[in-house]
Amino acid sequence: MADWIPAQVIANRHWNQDLFSLSLRANIEPFKAGQFTKLGIMIGDNLIQRAYSFVNPPQQTDIEIYATRVADGLLSPRLHALQEGDTVQISARASGFFTLDEVATSQHLWLFATGTAIGPYLSILSQKEVWHKYRKIILIHAVRYAADLSYQAEISALKQQYGDQLIVQPFVSREPAPLCLTGRIPLAIADGLLERHVGLSLSAEHSQVMLCGNPQMVRDTKAVLEAKGLTKNLRRKPGQITMEHYW
């Protein structure tokens, strides 16, 4: 059972009609970058809850989550409507193993995300450890429309700080967009387009891969990577693919 405590809304940033970032203040327990919490709102006699990854780094006082409003959802429209000073319930204890200490050191770290699943990567990339552990970090973010590419200022700041060590490649599936690839991530890996475009190869010898996003992307990308010789990362048998479904 989650250990629920109140969280005060500090800000609610609306990126577009549906995407939003909630800034919260609550006395939660320490967490690791890549973990998630739970938010909840009482509706009648029931606490409606859902898991959300931390976007903020562990050392930051204010909590930030990145979410999308689902029109017919029970919780997300209410979170989307929250204003400064409102209160929401939050789990005091973080959960999850989608963290850097579960991923081996390698030359290249590939981070694949769809939609709001870029959130945990922003938390991970805020930690000095990741920049010492990998020679190159490739951040792949797939969305439907260019307007869904949130956190561009934060990503640009990382690029300025770490230069060529960070490669950023967005995908936009439903419209042409500058500097973006089209289509789906698994197909771009299967036909070699992604590797050609970023100038690096995906291999078991030199790569660690983290997959976070809608289950179809995660499953299909895992299958394509396995065809290239990469294997699922397990504690009893380390591999190269670490996954989290985010839906």
C-alpha atoms as a PDB file:
ATOM      1  CA  MET A   1       0.000   0.000   0.000  1.00  0.00           C
ATOM      2  CA  ALA A   2       1.209   3.491  -0.824  1.00  0.00           C
ATOM      3  CA  ASP A   3       1.984   5.724   2.144  1.00  0.00           C
ATOM      4  CA  TRP A   4      -0.089   8.739   1.113  1.00  0.00           C
ATOM      5  CA  ILE A   5       0.744  12.308   2.137  1.00  0.00           C
ATOM      6  CA  PRO A   6      -0.532  15.669   0.840  1.00  0.00           C
ATOM      7  CA  ALA A   7       1.394  17.566  -1.849  1.00  0.00           C
ATOM      8  CA  GLN A   8       0.838  21.228  -2.579  1.00  0.00           C
ATOM      9  CA  VAL A   9       0.715  22.390  -6.186  1.00  0.00           C
ATOM     10  CA  ILE A  10       3.412  24.995  -6.862  1.00  0.00           C
ATOM     11  CA  ALA A  11       2.745  25.336 -10.599  1.00  0.00           C
ATOM     12  CA  ASN A  12       0.939  23.611 -13.447  1.00  0.00           C
ATOM     13  CA  ARG A  13       2.632  24.224 -16.780  1.00  0.00           C
ATOM     14  CA  HIS A  14       0.517  23.453 -19.840  1.00  0.00           C
ATOM     15  CA  TRP A  15       2.748  22.682 -22.819  1.00  0.00           C
ATOM     16  CA  ASN A  16      -0.191  22.379 -25.209  1.00  0.00           C
ATOM     17  CA  GLN A  17      -3.832  21.343 -25.016  1.00  0.00           C
ATOM     18  CA  ASP A  18      -3.118  18.032 -23.291  1.00  0.00           C
ATOM     19  CA  LEU A  19       0.503  17.851 -22.094  1.00  0.00           C
ATOM     20  CA  PHE A  20       1.284  19.363 -18.708  1.00  0.00           C
ATOM     21  CA  SER A  21       3.909  19.362 -15.957  1.00  0.00           C
ATOM     22  CA  LEU A  22       2.926  19.554 -12.310  1.00  0.00           C
ATOM     23  CA  SER A  23       5.352  21.063  -9.795  1.00  0.00           C
ATOM     24  CA  LEU A  24       4.599  19.874  -6.263  1.00  0.00           C
ATOM     25  CA  ARG A  25       5.958  20.303  -2.765  1.00  0.00           C
ATOM     26  CA  ALA A  26       5.769  17.419  -0.305  1.00  0.00           C
ATOM     27  CA  ASN A  27       7.939  15.783   2.317  1.00  0.00           C
ATOM     28  CA  ILE A  28       8.616  12.569   0.395  1.00  0.00           C
ATOM     29  CA  GLU A  29      11.386  10.090   1.105  1.00  0.00           C
ATOM     30  CA  PRO A  30      14.612  10.169  -0.979  1.00  0.00           C
ATOM     31  CA  PHE A  31      14.380   8.538  -4.407  1.00  0.00           C
ATOM     32  CA  LYS A  32      16.649   7.520  -7.292  1.00  0.00           C
ATOM     33  CA  ALA A  33      16.579   9.112 -10.735  1.00  0.00           C
ATOM     34  CA  GLY A  34      14.346   6.955 -12.944  1.00  0.00           C
ATOM     35  CA  GLN A  35      11.947   5.930 -10.186  1.00  0.00           C
ATOM     36  CA  PHE A  36       8.255   6.814 -10.009  1.00  0.00           C
ATOM     37  CA  THR A  37       5.734   7.984  -7.456  1.00  0.00           C
ATOM     38  CA  LYS A  38       1.934   7.819  -7.346  1.00  0.00           C
ATOM     39  CA  LEU A  39      -0.524  10.699  -7.383  1.00  0.00           C
ATOM     40  CA  GLY A  40      -4.107  10.368  -6.212  1.00  0.00           C
ATOM     41  CA  ILE A  41      -7.322  12.355  -5.850  1.00  0.00           C
ATOM     42  CA  MET A  42     -10.384  11.336  -3.877  1.00  0.00           C
ATOM     43  CA  ILE A  43     -13.445  10.878  -6.071  1.00  0.00           C
ATOM     44  CA  GLY A  44     -16.385   9.968  -3.915  1.00  0.00           C
ATOM     45  CA  ASP A  45     -15.183   7.281  -1.524  1.00  0.00           C
ATOM     46  CA  ASN A  46     -12.331   6.134  -3.764  1.00  0.00           C
ATOM     47  CA  LEU A  47      -8.767   7.370  -4.121  1.00  0.00           C
ATOM     48  CA  ILE A  48      -8.117   7.372  -7.866  1.00  0.00           C
ATOM     49  CA  GLN A  49      -4.378   6.956  -8.397  1.00  0.00           C
ATOM     50  CA  ARG A  50      -1.775   6.522 -11.085  1.00  0.00           C
ATOM     51  CA  ALA A  51       2.011   6.162 -11.271  1.00  0.00           C
ATOM     52  CA  TYR A  52       4.149   9.013 -12.629  1.00  0.00           C
ATOM     53  CA  SER A  53       7.920   9.178 -12.980  1.00  0.00           C
ATOM     54  CA  PHE A  54       9.937  11.953 -11.399  1.00  0.00           C
ATOM     55  CA  VAL A  55      11.223  14.490 -13.918  1.00  0.00           C
ATOM     56  CA  ASN A  56      13.187  16.417 -11.314  1.00  0.00           C
ATOM     57  CA  PRO A  57      16.561  15.239 -10.026  1.00  0.00           C
ATOM     58  CA  PRO A  58      16.648  13.623  -6.574  1.00  0.00           C
ATOM     59  CA  GLN A  59      18.560  16.552  -5.110  1.00  0.00           C
ATOM     60  CA  GLN A  60      15.848  19.053  -6.085  1.00  0.00           C
ATOM     61  CA  THR A  61      13.326  20.014  -3.403  1.00  0.00           C
ATOM     62  CA  ASP A  62      10.278  20.501  -5.626  1.00  0.00           C
ATOM     63  CA  ILE A  63       8.752  17.465  -7.314  1.00  0.00           C
ATOM     64  CA  GLU A  64       7.894  17.518 -11.002  1.00  0.00           C
ATOM     65  CA  ILE A  65       5.837  15.060 -13.026  1.00  0.00           C
ATOM     66  CA  TYR A  66       5.064  15.156 -16.753  1.00  0.00           C
ATOM     67  CA  ALA A  67       1.685  13.857 -17.888  1.00  0.00           C
ATOM     68  CA  THR A  68      -0.917  13.917 -20.614  1.00  0.00           C
ATOM     69  CA  ARG A  69      -4.609  14.595 -20.184  1.00  0.00           C
ATOM     70  CA  VAL A  70      -6.755  11.682 -21.317  1.00  0.00           C
ATOM     71  CA  ALA A  71     -10.137  13.124 -22.239  1.00  0.00           C
ATOM     72  CA  ASP A  72     -12.189  10.299 -20.735  1.00  0.00           C
ATOM     73  CA  GLY A  73      -9.761   9.538 -17.903  1.00  0.00           C
ATOM     74  CA  LEU A  74     -10.749   9.691 -14.239  1.00  0.00           C
ATOM     75  CA  LEU A  75      -7.545  11.229 -12.890  1.00  0.00           C
ATOM     76  CA  SER A  76      -5.574  13.065 -15.578  1.00  0.00           C
ATOM     77  CA  PRO A  77      -8.240  15.718 -16.396  1.00  0.00           C
ATOM     78  CA  ARG A  78      -8.383  16.589 -12.697  1.00  0.00           C
ATOM     79  CA  LEU A  79      -4.596  16.821 -12.458  1.00  0.00           C
ATOM     80  CA  HIS A  80      -4.568  18.944 -15.606  1.00  0.00           C
ATOM     81  CA  ALA A  81      -7.012  21.372 -13.962  1.00  0.00           C
ATOM     82  CA  LEU A  82      -5.072  21.797 -10.699  1.00  0.00           C
ATOM     83  CA  GLN A  83      -3.883  25.292  -9.851  1.00  0.00           C
ATOM     84  CA  GLU A  84      -1.269  26.792  -7.565  1.00  0.00           C
ATOM     85  CA  GLY A  85      -2.218  26.184  -3.945  1.00  0.00           C
ATOM     86  CA  ASP A  86      -4.340  23.090  -4.630  1.00  0.00           C
ATOM     87  CA  THR A  87      -3.543  19.808  -2.931  1.00  0.00           C
ATOM     88  CA  VAL A  88      -3.120  16.317  -4.339  1.00  0.00           C
ATOM     89  CA  GLN A  89      -2.172  13.067  -2.614  1.00  0.00           C
ATOM     90  CA  ILE A  90       1.288  11.622  -3.301  1.00  0.00           C
ATOM     91  CA  SER A  91       3.036   8.438  -2.260  1.00  0.00           C
ATOM     92  CA  ALA A  92       5.811   9.234   0.206  1.00  0.00           C
ATOM     93  CA  ARG A  93       7.912   6.325  -1.057  1.00  0.00           C
ATOM     94  CA  ALA A  94       9.234   6.002  -4.582  1.00  0.00           C
ATOM     95  CA  SER A  95       9.114   2.727  -6.519  1.00  0.00           C
ATOM     96  CA  GLY A  96      10.729   1.137  -9.541  1.00  0.00           C
ATOM     97  CA  PHE A  97      14.015  -0.259 -10.826  1.00  0.00           C
ATOM     98  CA  PHE A  98      14.381   1.786 -14.017  1.00  0.00           C
ATOM     99  CA  THR A  99      17.538   3.359 -12.593  1.00  0.00           C
ATOM    100  CA  LEU A 100      21.115   3.734 -13.682  1.00  0.00           C
ATOM    101  CA  ASP A 101      22.478   1.374 -11.037  1.00  0.00           C
ATOM    102  CA  GLU A 102      20.615  -1.431 -12.824  1.00  0.00           C
ATOM    103  CA  VAL A 103      22.444  -0.685 -16.109  1.00  0.00           C
ATOM    104  CA  ALA A 104      26.013  -1.758 -16.839  1.00  0.00           C
ATOM    105  CA  THR A 105      28.784   0.566 -17.938  1.00  0.00           C
ATOM    106  CA  SER A 106      29.324   0.661 -21.706  1.00  0.00           C
ATOM    107  CA  GLN A 107      30.581   2.987 -24.408  1.00  0.00           C
ATOM    108  CA  HIS A 108      27.127   4.095 -25.511  1.00  0.00           C
ATOM    109  CA  LEU A 109      23.859   4.545 -23.631  1.00  0.00           C
ATOM    110  CA  TRP A 110      20.751   4.674 -25.838  1.00  0.00           C
ATOM    111  CA  LEU A 111      17.639   6.176 -24.229  1.00  0.00           C
ATOM    112  CA  PHE A 112      14.393   5.518 -26.131  1.00  0.00           C
ATOM    113  CA  ALA A 113      11.149   7.223 -25.096  1.00  0.00           C
ATOM    114  CA  THR A 114       7.686   7.860 -26.457  1.00  0.00           C
ATOM    115  CA  GLY A 115       5.556  10.782 -25.297  1.00  0.00           C
ATOM    116  CA  THR A 116       5.735  11.646 -21.614  1.00  0.00           C
ATOM    117  CA  ALA A 117       8.116   8.732 -20.985  1.00  0.00           C
ATOM    118  CA  ILE A 118      10.990  11.133 -21.564  1.00  0.00           C
ATOM    119  CA  GLY A 119      10.417  12.246 -17.960  1.00  0.00           C
ATOM    120  CA  PRO A 120      12.594   9.680 -16.153  1.00  0.00           C
ATOM    121  CA  TYR A 121      15.433  10.273 -18.619  1.00  0.00           C
ATOM    122  CA  LEU A 122      15.480  13.972 -17.756  1.00  0.00           C
ATOM    123  CA  SER A 123      15.916  12.988 -14.128  1.00  0.00           C
ATOM    124  CA  ILE A 124      18.691  10.520 -15.005  1.00  0.00           C
ATOM    125  CA  LEU A 125      20.503  13.002 -17.253  1.00  0.00           C
ATOM    126  CA  SER A 126      20.588  15.525 -14.423  1.00  0.00           C
ATOM    127  CA  GLN A 127      22.979  13.237 -12.517  1.00  0.00           C
ATOM    128  CA  LYS A 128      26.759  13.559 -12.954  1.00  0.00           C
ATOM    129  CA  GLU A 129      27.134   9.783 -12.738  1.00  0.00           C
ATOM    130  CA  VAL A 130      25.645   9.097 -16.156  1.00  0.00           C
ATOM    131  CA  TRP A 131      28.123  11.414 -17.894  1.00  0.00           C
ATOM    132  CA  HIS A 132      31.077   9.621 -16.316  1.00  0.00           C
ATOM    133  CA  LYS A 133      29.693   6.155 -17.026  1.00  0.00           C
ATOM    134  CA  TYR A 134      29.153   6.450 -20.810  1.00  0.00           C
ATOM    135  CA  ARG A 135      31.215   7.984 -23.600  1.00  0.00           C
ATOM    136  CA  LYS A 136      28.118   8.822 -25.685  1.00  0.00           C
ATOM    137  CA  ILE A 137      24.465   9.190 -24.685  1.00  0.00           C
ATOM    138  CA  ILE A 138      21.805   9.070 -27.399  1.00  0.00           C
ATOM    139  CA  LEU A 139      18.380  10.422 -26.427  1.00  0.00           C
ATOM    140  CA  ILE A 140      15.586   9.311 -28.774  1.00  0.00           C
ATOM    141  CA  HIS A 141      12.158  10.876 -28.215  1.00  0.00           C
ATOM    142  CA  ALA A 142       9.184   9.858 -30.375  1.00  0.00           C
ATOM    143  CA  VAL A 143       5.966  11.890 -30.464  1.00  0.00           C
ATOM    144  CA  ARG A 144       3.027  12.413 -32.813  1.00  0.00           C
ATOM    145  CA  TYR A 145       3.395  16.155 -33.455  1.00  0.00           C
ATOM    146  CA  ALA A 146       6.286  18.597 -33.145  1.00  0.00           C
ATOM    147  CA  ALA A 147       4.307  20.525 -30.506  1.00  0.00           C
ATOM    148  CA  ASP A 148       4.575  17.436 -28.288  1.00  0.00           C
ATOM    149  CA  LEU A 149       8.369  17.826 -28.022  1.00  0.00           C
ATOM    150  CA  SER A 150       8.369  19.402 -24.569  1.00  0.00           C
ATOM    151  CA  TYR A 151      11.389  20.274 -22.394  1.00  0.00           C
ATOM    152  CA  GLN A 152      13.389  21.587 -25.348  1.00  0.00           C
ATOM    153  CA  ALA A 153      15.038  24.295 -23.226  1.00  0.00           C
ATOM    154  CA  GLU A 154      16.205  21.707 -20.694  1.00  0.00           C
ATOM    155  CA  ILE A 155      17.526  19.412 -23.435  1.00  0.00           C
ATOM    156  CA  SER A 156      19.310  22.332 -25.119  1.00  0.00           C
ATOM    157  CA  ALA A 157      20.941  23.194 -21.792  1.00  0.00           C
ATOM    158  CA  LEU A 158      22.251  19.625 -21.526  1.00  0.00           C
ATOM    159  CA  LYS A 159      23.608  19.874 -25.072  1.00  0.00           C
ATOM    160  CA  GLN A 160      25.398  23.108 -24.219  1.00  0.00           C
ATOM    161  CA  GLN A 161      26.869  21.587 -21.077  1.00  0.00           C
ATOM    162  CA  TYR A 162      27.970  18.220 -22.482  1.00  0.00           C
ATOM    163  CA  GLY A 163      28.417  18.996 -26.167  1.00  0.00           C
ATOM    164  CA  ASP A 164      28.962  16.048 -28.500  1.00  0.00           C
ATOM    165  CA  GLN A 165      28.697  13.568 -25.650  1.00  0.00           C
ATOM    166  CA  LEU A 166      24.912  13.938 -25.981  1.00  0.00           C
ATOM    167  CA  ILE A 167      23.130  13.135 -29.237  1.00  0.00           C
ATOM    168  CA  VAL A 168      19.440  14.045 -29.400  1.00  0.00           C
ATOM    169  CA  GLN A 169      17.214  12.578 -32.104  1.00  0.00           C
ATOM    170  CA  PRO A 170      13.462  13.255 -32.095  1.00  0.00           C
ATOM    171  CA  PHE A 171      10.892  11.308 -34.110  1.00  0.00           C
ATOM    172  CA  VAL A 172       7.630  12.935 -35.221  1.00  0.00           C
ATOM    173  CA  SER A 173       5.166  10.497 -36.747  1.00  0.00           C
ATOM    174  CA  ARG A 174       2.214  12.540 -38.032  1.00  0.00           C
ATOM    175  CA  GLU A 175       3.796  15.560 -39.707  1.00  0.00           C
ATOM    176  CA  PRO A 176       7.133  16.606 -41.200  1.00  0.00           C
ATOM    177  CA  ALA A 177       9.310  18.528 -38.741  1.00  0.00           C
ATOM    178  CA  PRO A 178      12.819  20.014 -39.029  1.00  0.00           C
ATOM    179  CA  LEU A 179      15.653  17.810 -37.727  1.00  0.00           C
ATOM    180  CA  CYS A 180      13.196  15.023 -36.893  1.00  0.00           C
ATOM    181  CA  LEU A 181      12.969  11.533 -38.295  1.00  0.00           C
ATOM    182  CA  THR A 182       9.582  10.157 -39.336  1.00  0.00           C
ATOM    183  CA  GLY A 183       8.082   6.725 -38.842  1.00  0.00           C
ATOM    184  CA  ARG A 184       8.493   4.351 -35.915  1.00  0.00           C
ATOM    185  CA  ILE A 185      11.573   3.666 -33.812  1.00  0.00           C
ATOM    186  CA  PRO A 186      11.673  -0.132 -34.410  1.00  0.00           C
ATOM    187  CA  LEU A 187      11.604   0.284 -38.180  1.00  0.00           C
ATOM    188  CA  ALA A 188      14.332   2.932 -38.071  1.00  0.00           C
ATOM    189  CA  ILE A 189      16.513   0.492 -36.146  1.00  0.00           C
ATOM    190  CA  ALA A 190      15.669  -2.494 -38.350  1.00  0.00           C
ATOM    191  CA  ASP A 191      16.584  -0.771 -41.615  1.00  0.00           C
ATOM    192  CA  GLY A 192      19.666   0.948 -40.187  1.00  0.00           C
ATOM    193  CA  LEU A 193      18.293   4.482 -40.632  1.00  0.00           C
ATOM    194  CA  LEU A 194      18.751   5.492 -37.002  1.00  0.00           C
ATOM    195  CA  GLU A 195      22.333   4.255 -36.785  1.00  0.00           C
ATOM    196  CA  ARG A 196      23.250   5.973 -40.031  1.00  0.00           C
ATOM    197  CA  HIS A 197      21.619   9.188 -38.914  1.00  0.00           C
ATOM    198  CA  VAL A 198      23.377   9.438 -35.541  1.00  0.00           C
ATOM    199  CA  GLY A 199      26.624   7.907 -36.738  1.00  0.00           C
ATOM    200  CA  LEU A 200      26.824   5.152 -34.116  1.00  0.00           C
ATOM    201  CA  SER A 201      26.058   1.447 -34.162  1.00  0.00           C
ATOM    202  CA  LEU A 202      23.768  -0.435 -31.814  1.00  0.00           C
ATOM    203  CA  SER A 203      25.697  -3.513 -30.713  1.00  0.00           C
ATOM    204  CA  ALA A 204      25.877  -5.819 -27.732  1.00  0.00           C
ATOM    205  CA  GLU A 205      29.582  -5.077 -27.436  1.00  0.00           C
ATOM    206  CA  HIS A 206      29.339  -1.298 -27.119  1.00  0.00           C
ATOM    207  CA  SER A 207      25.722  -0.445 -26.198  1.00  0.00           C
ATOM    208  CA  GLN A 208      23.347  -0.329 -23.266  1.00  0.00           C
ATOM    209  CA  VAL A 209      19.710   0.452 -24.122  1.00  0.00           C
ATOM    210  CA  MET A 210      16.889   1.769 -21.959  1.00  0.00           C
ATOM    211  CA  LEU A 211      13.338   1.573 -23.348  1.00  0.00           C
ATOM    212  CA  CYS A 212      10.513   3.563 -21.784  1.00  0.00           C
ATOM    213  CA  GLY A 213       7.165   4.254 -23.394  1.00  0.00           C
ATOM    214  CA  ASN A 214       4.031   2.679 -24.758  1.00  0.00           C
ATOM    215  CA  PRO A 215       4.119  -1.114 -24.547  1.00  0.00           C
ATOM    216  CA  GLN A 216       3.973  -1.641 -28.316  1.00  0.00           C
ATOM    217  CA  MET A 217       7.114   0.441 -28.876  1.00  0.00           C
ATOM    218  CA  VAL A 218       8.903  -1.332 -26.042  1.00  0.00           C
ATOM    219  CA  ARG A 219       7.987  -4.806 -27.299  1.00  0.00           C
ATOM    220  CA  ASP A 220       8.759  -4.101 -30.949  1.00  0.00           C
ATOM    221  CA  THR A 221      12.032  -2.326 -30.219  1.00  0.00           C
ATOM    222  CA  LYS A 222      13.133  -5.128 -27.894  1.00  0.00           C
ATOM    223  CA  ALA A 223      12.458  -7.660 -30.668  1.00  0.00           C
ATOM    224  CA  VAL A 224      14.489  -5.672 -33.201  1.00  0.00           C
ATOM    225  CA  LEU A 225      17.363  -5.269 -30.748  1.00  0.00           C
ATOM    226  CA  GLU A 226      17.331  -8.992 -29.958  1.00  0.00           C
ATOM    227  CA  ALA A 227      17.649  -9.692 -33.668  1.00  0.00           C
ATOM    228  CA  LYS A 228      20.837  -7.601 -33.531  1.00  0.00           C
ATOM    229  CA  GLY A 229      22.234  -9.748 -30.728  1.00  0.00           C
ATOM    230  CA  LEU A 230      21.281  -7.679 -27.668  1.00  0.00           C
ATOM    231  CA  THR A 231      19.566  -9.375 -24.725  1.00  0.00           C
ATOM    232  CA  LYS A 232      17.266  -8.359 -21.891  1.00  0.00           C
ATOM    233  CA  ASN A 233      19.082  -7.117 -18.811  1.00  0.00           C
ATOM    234  CA  LEU A 234      18.403  -9.373 -15.822  1.00  0.00           C
ATOM    235  CA  ARG A 235      20.032  -9.272 -12.400  1.00  0.00           C
ATOM    236  CA  ARG A 236      20.884 -12.963 -12.586  1.00  0.00           C
ATOM    237  CA  LYS A 237      22.054 -12.619 -16.186  1.00  0.00           C
ATOM    238  CA  PRO A 238      23.087  -9.082 -17.238  1.00  0.00           C
ATOM    239  CA  GLY A 239      22.296  -8.023 -20.776  1.00  0.00           C
ATOM    240  CA  GLN A 240      21.940  -4.783 -22.703  1.00  0.00           C
ATOM    241  CA  ILE A 241      18.181  -3.976 -22.740  1.00  0.00           C
ATOM    242  CA  THR A 242      16.454  -2.407 -19.722  1.00  0.00           C
ATOM    243  CA  MET A 243      12.719  -1.733 -20.098  1.00  0.00           C
ATOM    244  CA  GLU A 244       9.790   0.025 -18.494  1.00  0.00           C
ATOM    245  CA  HIS A 245       6.256   0.125 -19.909  1.00  0.00           C
ATOM    246  CA  TYR A 246       4.850   3.635 -19.531  1.00  0.00           C
ATOM    247  CA  TRP A 247       1.217   3.896 -20.443  1.00  0.00           C
END
